[in-house]
């Protein structure tokens, strides 16, 4: 299963949806095109997509799924 782009979400809730539905998970971030970045800024979501927040959410999702026995790869650093 591929989870990307990683948008603002609750990692525990997403892990519950994924568990049992995937043998492996790949996580990637949103690669901002100019139009998408503008939309995020105008909707007030830009702060939620800052890399520190995205990294934290990816790590939380990784840790929860790994604990449940689902292999996870994060495709960004």
PDB file of N, CA and C in Angstrom:
ATOM      1  N   UNK A   1       0.855  -1.164   0.000  1.00  0.00           N
ATOM      2  CA  UNK A   1       0.000   0.000   0.000  1.00  0.00           C
ATOM      3  C   UNK A   1       0.900   1.226   0.000  1.00  0.00           C
ATOM      4  N   UNK A   2       0.521   2.216  -0.761  1.00  0.00           N
ATOM      5  CA  UNK A   2       1.261   3.470  -0.833  1.00  0.00           C
ATOM      6  C   UNK A   2       0.439   4.552  -0.154  1.00  0.00           C
ATOM      7  N   UNK A   3       1.015   5.228   0.833  1.00  0.00           N
ATOM      8  CA  UNK A   3       0.355   6.336   1.508  1.00  0.00           C
ATOM      9  C   UNK A   3       1.083   7.597   1.083  1.00  0.00           C
ATOM     10  N   UNK A   4       0.517   8.322   0.172  1.00  0.00           N
ATOM     11  CA  UNK A   4       1.147   9.528  -0.315  1.00  0.00           C
ATOM     12  C   UNK A   4       0.197  10.292  -1.211  1.00  0.00           C
ATOM     13  N   UNK A   5       0.157  11.534  -1.155  1.00  0.00           N
ATOM     14  CA  UNK A   5       1.006  12.318  -0.268  1.00  0.00           C
ATOM     15  C   UNK A   5       0.498  12.228   1.171  1.00  0.00           C
ATOM     16  N   UNK A   6       1.419  12.342   2.089  1.00  0.00           N
ATOM     17  CA  UNK A   6       1.056  12.317   3.500  1.00  0.00           C
ATOM     18  C   UNK A   6       0.470  13.677   3.859  1.00  0.00           C
ATOM     19  N   UNK A   7      -0.831  13.712   4.046  1.00  0.00           N
ATOM     20  CA  UNK A   7      -1.547  14.947   4.362  1.00  0.00           C
ATOM     21  C   UNK A   7      -1.841  14.984   5.858  1.00  0.00           C
ATOM     22  N   UNK A   8      -2.259  16.140   6.374  1.00  0.00           N
ATOM     23  CA  UNK A   8      -2.592  16.203   7.800  1.00  0.00           C
ATOM     24  C   UNK A   8      -3.628  15.137   8.154  1.00  0.00           C
ATOM     25  N   UNK A   9      -3.329  14.335   9.168  1.00  0.00           N
ATOM     26  CA  UNK A   9      -4.221  13.265   9.579  1.00  0.00           C
ATOM     27  C   UNK A   9      -3.830  12.794  10.958  1.00  0.00           C
ATOM     28  N   UNK A  10      -4.655  11.908  11.500  1.00  0.00           N
ATOM     29  CA  UNK A  10      -4.383  11.266  12.785  1.00  0.00           C
ATOM     30  C   UNK A  10      -3.691   9.936  12.479  1.00  0.00           C
ATOM     31  N   UNK A  11      -2.396   9.807  12.791  1.00  0.00           N
ATOM     32  CA  UNK A  11      -1.669   8.576  12.459  1.00  0.00           C
ATOM     33  C   UNK A  11      -2.324   7.314  13.027  1.00  0.00           C
ATOM     34  N   UNK A  12      -2.851   7.364  14.251  1.00  0.00           N
ATOM     35  CA  UNK A  12      -3.473   6.182  14.851  1.00  0.00           C
ATOM     36  C   UNK A  12      -4.722   5.762  14.084  1.00  0.00           C
ATOM     37  N   UNK A  13      -5.538   6.733  13.686  1.00  0.00           N
ATOM     38  CA  UNK A  13      -6.753   6.414  12.932  1.00  0.00           C
ATOM     39  C   UNK A  13      -6.408   5.841  11.560  1.00  0.00           C
ATOM     40  N   UNK A  14      -5.409   6.433  10.891  1.00  0.00           N
ATOM     41  CA  UNK A  14      -4.998   5.927   9.587  1.00  0.00           C
ATOM     42  C   UNK A  14      -4.416   4.521   9.714  1.00  0.00           C
ATOM     43  N   UNK A  15      -3.615   4.280  10.750  1.00  0.00           N
ATOM     44  CA  UNK A  15      -3.049   2.944  10.961  1.00  0.00           C
ATOM     45  C   UNK A  15      -4.152   1.914  11.158  1.00  0.00           C
ATOM     46  N   UNK A  16      -5.215   2.276  11.861  1.00  0.00           N
ATOM     47  CA  UNK A  16      -6.340   1.357  12.065  1.00  0.00           C
ATOM     48  C   UNK A  16      -7.004   1.005  10.740  1.00  0.00           C
ATOM     49  N   UNK A  17      -7.096   1.964   9.835  1.00  0.00           N
ATOM     50  CA  UNK A  17      -7.686   1.703   8.520  1.00  0.00           C
ATOM     51  C   UNK A  17      -6.784   0.824   7.660  1.00  0.00           C
ATOM     52  N   UNK A  18      -5.482   0.990   7.814  1.00  0.00           N
ATOM     53  CA  UNK A  18      -4.510   0.256   7.002  1.00  0.00           C
ATOM     54  C   UNK A  18      -4.315  -1.173   7.509  1.00  0.00           C
ATOM     55  N   UNK A  19      -4.318  -1.338   8.828  1.00  0.00           N
ATOM     56  CA  UNK A  19      -4.047  -2.647   9.422  1.00  0.00           C
ATOM     57  C   UNK A  19      -5.002  -3.694   8.853  1.00  0.00           C
ATOM     58  N   UNK A  20      -4.451  -4.795   8.396  1.00  0.00           N
ATOM     59  CA  UNK A  20      -5.261  -5.861   7.819  1.00  0.00           C
ATOM     60  C   UNK A  20      -5.545  -5.689   6.340  1.00  0.00           C
ATOM     61  N   UNK A  21      -5.240  -4.496   5.812  1.00  0.00           N
ATOM     62  CA  UNK A  21      -5.505  -4.226   4.396  1.00  0.00           C
ATOM     63  C   UNK A  21      -4.223  -4.182   3.572  1.00  0.00           C
ATOM     64  N   UNK A  22      -3.070  -4.194   4.236  1.00  0.00           N
ATOM     65  CA  UNK A  22      -1.804  -4.053   3.515  1.00  0.00           C
ATOM     66  C   UNK A  22      -0.746  -4.971   4.100  1.00  0.00           C
ATOM     67  N   UNK A  23       0.076  -5.525   3.212  1.00  0.00           N
ATOM     68  CA  UNK A  23       1.201  -6.352   3.649  1.00  0.00           C
ATOM     69  C   UNK A  23       2.441  -5.509   3.888  1.00  0.00           C
ATOM     70  N   UNK A  24       2.479  -4.335   3.271  1.00  0.00           N
ATOM     71  CA  UNK A  24       3.610  -3.414   3.379  1.00  0.00           C
ATOM     72  C   UNK A  24       3.098  -2.023   3.058  1.00  0.00           C
ATOM     73  N   UNK A  25       3.704  -1.006   3.671  1.00  0.00           N
ATOM     74  CA  UNK A  25       3.278   0.380   3.455  1.00  0.00           C
ATOM     75  C   UNK A  25       4.483   1.228   3.081  1.00  0.00           C
ATOM     76  N   UNK A  26       4.311   2.060   2.064  1.00  0.00           N
ATOM     77  CA  UNK A  26       5.295   3.073   1.666  1.00  0.00           C
ATOM     78  C   UNK A  26       4.682   4.425   1.953  1.00  0.00           C
ATOM     79  N   UNK A  27       5.424   5.304   2.621  1.00  0.00           N
ATOM     80  CA  UNK A  27       4.923   6.639   2.975  1.00  0.00           C
ATOM     81  C   UNK A  27       5.752   7.679   2.237  1.00  0.00           C
ATOM     82  N   UNK A  28       5.068   8.624   1.599  1.00  0.00           N
ATOM     83  CA  UNK A  28       5.761   9.719   0.915  1.00  0.00           C
ATOM     84  C   UNK A  28       5.076  11.033   1.260  1.00  0.00           C
ATOM     85  N   UNK A  29       5.809  12.112   1.074  1.00  0.00           N
ATOM     86  CA  UNK A  29       5.270  13.443   1.371  1.00  0.00           C
ATOM     87  C   UNK A  29       4.686  14.058   0.100  1.00  0.00           C
ATOM     88  N   UNK A  30       3.986  15.150   0.274  1.00  0.00           N
ATOM     89  CA  UNK A  30       3.448  15.908  -0.846  1.00  0.00           C
ATOM     90  C   UNK A  30       4.564  16.705  -1.481  1.00  0.00           C
ATOM     91  N   UNK A  31       4.743  16.538  -2.761  1.00  0.00           N
ATOM     92  CA  UNK A  31       5.700  17.355  -3.510  1.00  0.00           C
ATOM     93  C   UNK A  31       4.915  18.536  -4.064  1.00  0.00           C
ATOM     94  N   UNK A  32       5.155  19.691  -3.497  1.00  0.00           N
ATOM     95  CA  UNK A  32       4.326  20.854  -3.775  1.00  0.00           C
ATOM     96  C   UNK A  32       4.548  21.422  -5.169  1.00  0.00           C
ATOM     97  N   UNK A  33       3.523  21.385  -5.963  1.00  0.00           N
ATOM     98  CA  UNK A  33       3.512  22.160  -7.204  1.00  0.00           C
ATOM     99  C   UNK A  33       3.075  23.566  -6.790  1.00  0.00           C
ATOM    100  N   UNK A  34       3.425  24.576  -7.573  1.00  0.00           N
ATOM    101  CA  UNK A  34       3.088  25.954  -7.221  1.00  0.00           C
ATOM    102  C   UNK A  34       1.618  26.152  -6.905  1.00  0.00           C
ATOM    103  N   UNK A  35       0.747  25.557  -7.699  1.00  0.00           N
ATOM    104  CA  UNK A  35      -0.694  25.712  -7.507  1.00  0.00           C
ATOM    105  C   UNK A  35      -1.139  25.073  -6.186  1.00  0.00           C
ATOM    106  N   UNK A  36      -0.600  23.908  -5.874  1.00  0.00           N
ATOM    107  CA  UNK A  36      -0.962  23.218  -4.636  1.00  0.00           C
ATOM    108  C   UNK A  36      -0.484  24.007  -3.422  1.00  0.00           C
ATOM    109  N   UNK A  37       0.738  24.522  -3.479  1.00  0.00           N
ATOM    110  CA  UNK A  37       1.260  25.310  -2.367  1.00  0.00           C
ATOM    111  C   UNK A  37       0.385  26.532  -2.121  1.00  0.00           C
ATOM    112  N   UNK A  38      -0.050  27.192  -3.177  1.00  0.00           N
ATOM    113  CA  UNK A  38      -0.930  28.352  -3.039  1.00  0.00           C
ATOM    114  C   UNK A  38      -2.268  27.977  -2.421  1.00  0.00           C
ATOM    115  N   UNK A  39      -2.807  26.849  -2.822  1.00  0.00           N
ATOM    116  CA  UNK A  39      -4.073  26.374  -2.267  1.00  0.00           C
ATOM    117  C   UNK A  39      -3.926  26.078  -0.777  1.00  0.00           C
ATOM    118  N   UNK A  40      -2.820  25.434  -0.399  1.00  0.00           N
ATOM    119  CA  UNK A  40      -2.586  25.154   1.019  1.00  0.00           C
ATOM    120  C   UNK A  40      -2.459  26.445   1.830  1.00  0.00           C
ATOM    121  N   UNK A  41      -1.740  27.423   1.281  1.00  0.00           N
ATOM    122  CA  UNK A  41      -1.594  28.715   1.982  1.00  0.00           C
ATOM    123  C   UNK A  41      -2.949  29.390   2.131  1.00  0.00           C
ATOM    124  N   UNK A  42      -3.734  29.433   1.061  1.00  0.00           N
ATOM    125  CA  UNK A  42      -5.012  30.145   1.107  1.00  0.00           C
ATOM    126  C   UNK A  42      -6.031  29.454   2.009  1.00  0.00           C
ATOM    127  N   UNK A  43      -5.882  28.155   2.210  1.00  0.00           N
ATOM    128  CA  UNK A  43      -6.828  27.429   3.060  1.00  0.00           C
ATOM    129  C   UNK A  43      -6.341  27.309   4.504  1.00  0.00           C
ATOM    130  N   UNK A  44      -5.148  27.848   4.785  1.00  0.00           N
ATOM    131  CA  UNK A  44      -4.618  27.807   6.140  1.00  0.00           C
ATOM    132  C   UNK A  44      -3.955  26.489   6.510  1.00  0.00           C
ATOM    133  N   UNK A  45      -3.733  25.601   5.531  1.00  0.00           N
ATOM    134  CA  UNK A  45      -3.136  24.300   5.810  1.00  0.00           C
ATOM    135  C   UNK A  45      -1.617  24.265   5.675  1.00  0.00           C
ATOM    136  N   UNK A  46      -1.019  25.307   5.165  1.00  0.00           N
ATOM    137  CA  UNK A  46       0.427  25.306   4.934  1.00  0.00           C
ATOM    138  C   UNK A  46       1.229  24.961   6.191  1.00  0.00           C
ATOM    139  N   UNK A  47       0.887  25.509   7.368  1.00  0.00           N
ATOM    140  CA  UNK A  47       1.671  25.146   8.558  1.00  0.00           C
ATOM    141  C   UNK A  47       1.614  23.650   8.884  1.00  0.00           C
ATOM    142  N   UNK A  48       0.501  23.003   8.549  1.00  0.00           N
ATOM    143  CA  UNK A  48       0.373  21.576   8.820  1.00  0.00           C
ATOM    144  C   UNK A  48       1.248  20.731   7.903  1.00  0.00           C
ATOM    145  N   UNK A  49       1.679  21.319   6.778  1.00  0.00           N
ATOM    146  CA  UNK A  49       2.484  20.579   5.825  1.00  0.00           C
ATOM    147  C   UNK A  49       3.970  20.899   5.953  1.00  0.00           C
ATOM    148  N   UNK A  50       4.355  21.642   6.979  1.00  0.00           N
ATOM    149  CA  UNK A  50       5.773  21.923   7.217  1.00  0.00           C
ATOM    150  C   UNK A  50       6.485  20.597   7.481  1.00  0.00           C
ATOM    151  N   UNK A  51       7.692  20.463   6.959  1.00  0.00           N
ATOM    152  CA  UNK A  51       8.410  19.197   7.042  1.00  0.00           C
ATOM    153  C   UNK A  51       8.556  18.639   8.461  1.00  0.00           C
ATOM    154  N   UNK A  52       8.782  19.452   9.494  1.00  0.00           N
ATOM    155  CA  UNK A  52       8.848  18.848  10.831  1.00  0.00           C
ATOM    156  C   UNK A  52       7.552  18.122  11.207  1.00  0.00           C
ATOM    157  N   UNK A  53       6.419  18.705  10.871  1.00  0.00           N
ATOM    158  CA  UNK A  53       5.133  18.063  11.178  1.00  0.00           C
ATOM    159  C   UNK A  53       4.937  16.808  10.340  1.00  0.00           C
ATOM    160  N   UNK A  54       5.297  16.881   9.066  1.00  0.00           N
ATOM    161  CA  UNK A  54       5.146  15.725   8.181  1.00  0.00           C
ATOM    162  C   UNK A  54       6.043  14.582   8.650  1.00  0.00           C
ATOM    163  N   UNK A  55       7.278  14.908   9.015  1.00  0.00           N
ATOM    164  CA  UNK A  55       8.201  13.875   9.513  1.00  0.00           C
ATOM    165  C   UNK A  55       7.650  13.216  10.780  1.00  0.00           C
ATOM    166  N   UNK A  56       7.105  14.019  11.683  1.00  0.00           N
ATOM    167  CA  UNK A  56       6.544  13.494  12.929  1.00  0.00           C
ATOM    168  C   UNK A  56       5.370  12.556  12.643  1.00  0.00           C
ATOM    169  N   UNK A  57       4.465  12.973  11.768  1.00  0.00           N
ATOM    170  CA  UNK A  57       3.312  12.137  11.430  1.00  0.00           C
ATOM    171  C   UNK A  57       3.763  10.841  10.757  1.00  0.00           C
ATOM    172  N   UNK A  58       4.739  10.932   9.861  1.00  0.00           N
ATOM    173  CA  UNK A  58       5.257   9.736   9.178  1.00  0.00           C
ATOM    174  C   UNK A  58       5.888   8.787  10.183  1.00  0.00           C
ATOM    175  N   UNK A  59       6.661   9.320  11.113  1.00  0.00           N
ATOM    176  CA  UNK A  59       7.315   8.492  12.119  1.00  0.00           C
ATOM    177  C   UNK A  59       6.274   7.835  13.025  1.00  0.00           C
ATOM    178  N   UNK A  60       5.236   8.584  13.429  1.00  0.00           N
ATOM    179  CA  UNK A  60       4.177   8.003  14.267  1.00  0.00           C
ATOM    180  C   UNK A  60       3.467   6.878  13.534  1.00  0.00           C
ATOM    181  N   UNK A  61       3.115   7.108  12.265  1.00  0.00           N
ATOM    182  CA  UNK A  61       2.448   6.087  11.471  1.00  0.00           C
ATOM    183  C   UNK A  61       3.361   4.869  11.315  1.00  0.00           C
ATOM    184  N   UNK A  62       4.630   5.121  11.040  1.00  0.00           N
ATOM    185  CA  UNK A  62       5.619   4.044  10.927  1.00  0.00           C
ATOM    186  C   UNK A  62       5.661   3.212  12.207  1.00  0.00           C
ATOM    187  N   UNK A  63       5.770   3.872  13.344  1.00  0.00           N
ATOM    188  CA  UNK A  63       5.918   3.168  14.617  1.00  0.00           C
ATOM    189  C   UNK A  63       4.670   2.345  14.951  1.00  0.00           C
ATOM    190  N   UNK A  64       3.498   2.903  14.726  1.00  0.00           N
ATOM    191  CA  UNK A  64       2.249   2.194  15.027  1.00  0.00           C
ATOM    192  C   UNK A  64       2.120   0.949  14.149  1.00  0.00           C
ATOM    193  N   UNK A  65       2.350   1.124  12.848  1.00  0.00           N
ATOM    194  CA  UNK A  65       2.200  -0.012  11.931  1.00  0.00           C
ATOM    195  C   UNK A  65       3.276  -1.072  12.162  1.00  0.00           C
ATOM    196  N   UNK A  66       4.502  -0.639  12.436  1.00  0.00           N
ATOM    197  CA  UNK A  66       5.577  -1.590  12.702  1.00  0.00           C
ATOM    198  C   UNK A  66       5.243  -2.426  13.938  1.00  0.00           C
ATOM    199  N   UNK A  67       4.700  -1.783  14.957  1.00  0.00           N
ATOM    200  CA  UNK A  67       4.296  -2.499  16.171  1.00  0.00           C
ATOM    201  C   UNK A  67       3.222  -3.539  15.863  1.00  0.00           C
ATOM    202  N   UNK A  68       2.385  -3.262  14.858  1.00  0.00           N
ATOM    203  CA  UNK A  68       1.322  -4.190  14.463  1.00  0.00           C
ATOM    204  C   UNK A  68       1.826  -5.244  13.474  1.00  0.00           C
ATOM    205  N   UNK A  69       3.123  -5.193  13.146  1.00  0.00           N
ATOM    206  CA  UNK A  69       3.709  -6.192  12.267  1.00  0.00           C
ATOM    207  C   UNK A  69       3.656  -5.870  10.789  1.00  0.00           C
ATOM    208  N   UNK A  70       3.334  -4.620  10.451  1.00  0.00           N
ATOM    209  CA  UNK A  70       3.277  -4.209   9.053  1.00  0.00           C
ATOM    210  C   UNK A  70       4.592  -3.514   8.706  1.00  0.00           C
ATOM    211  N   UNK A  71       5.360  -4.034   7.736  1.00  0.00           N
ATOM    212  CA  UNK A  71       6.591  -3.362   7.329  1.00  0.00           C
ATOM    213  C   UNK A  71       6.293  -2.005   6.688  1.00  0.00           C
ATOM    214  N   UNK A  72       7.068  -0.995   7.055  1.00  0.00           N
ATOM    215  CA  UNK A  72       6.845   0.369   6.577  1.00  0.00           C
ATOM    216  C   UNK A  72       8.153   0.972   6.106  1.00  0.00           C
ATOM    217  N   UNK A  73       8.114   1.668   4.964  1.00  0.00           N
ATOM    218  CA  UNK A  73       9.260   2.448   4.479  1.00  0.00           C
ATOM    219  C   UNK A  73       8.821   3.886   4.303  1.00  0.00           C
ATOM    220  N   UNK A  74       9.617   4.799   4.821  1.00  0.00           N
ATOM    221  CA  UNK A  74       9.376   6.225   4.618  1.00  0.00           C
ATOM    222  C   UNK A  74      10.275   6.668   3.469  1.00  0.00           C
ATOM    223  N   UNK A  75       9.705   7.239   2.422  1.00  0.00           N
ATOM    224  CA  UNK A  75      10.426   7.525   1.193  1.00  0.00           C
ATOM    225  C   UNK A  75      11.044   8.907   1.148  1.00  0.00           C
ATOM    226  N   UNK A  76      11.064   9.619   2.253  1.00  0.00           N
ATOM    227  CA  UNK A  76      11.695  10.932   2.307  1.00  0.00           C
ATOM    228  C   UNK A  76      12.449  11.040   3.621  1.00  0.00           C
ATOM    229  N   UNK A  77      13.323  12.035   3.706  1.00  0.00           N
ATOM    230  CA  UNK A  77      14.070  12.194   4.965  1.00  0.00           C
ATOM    231  C   UNK A  77      13.775  13.537   5.589  1.00  0.00           C
TER     232      UNK A  77
END
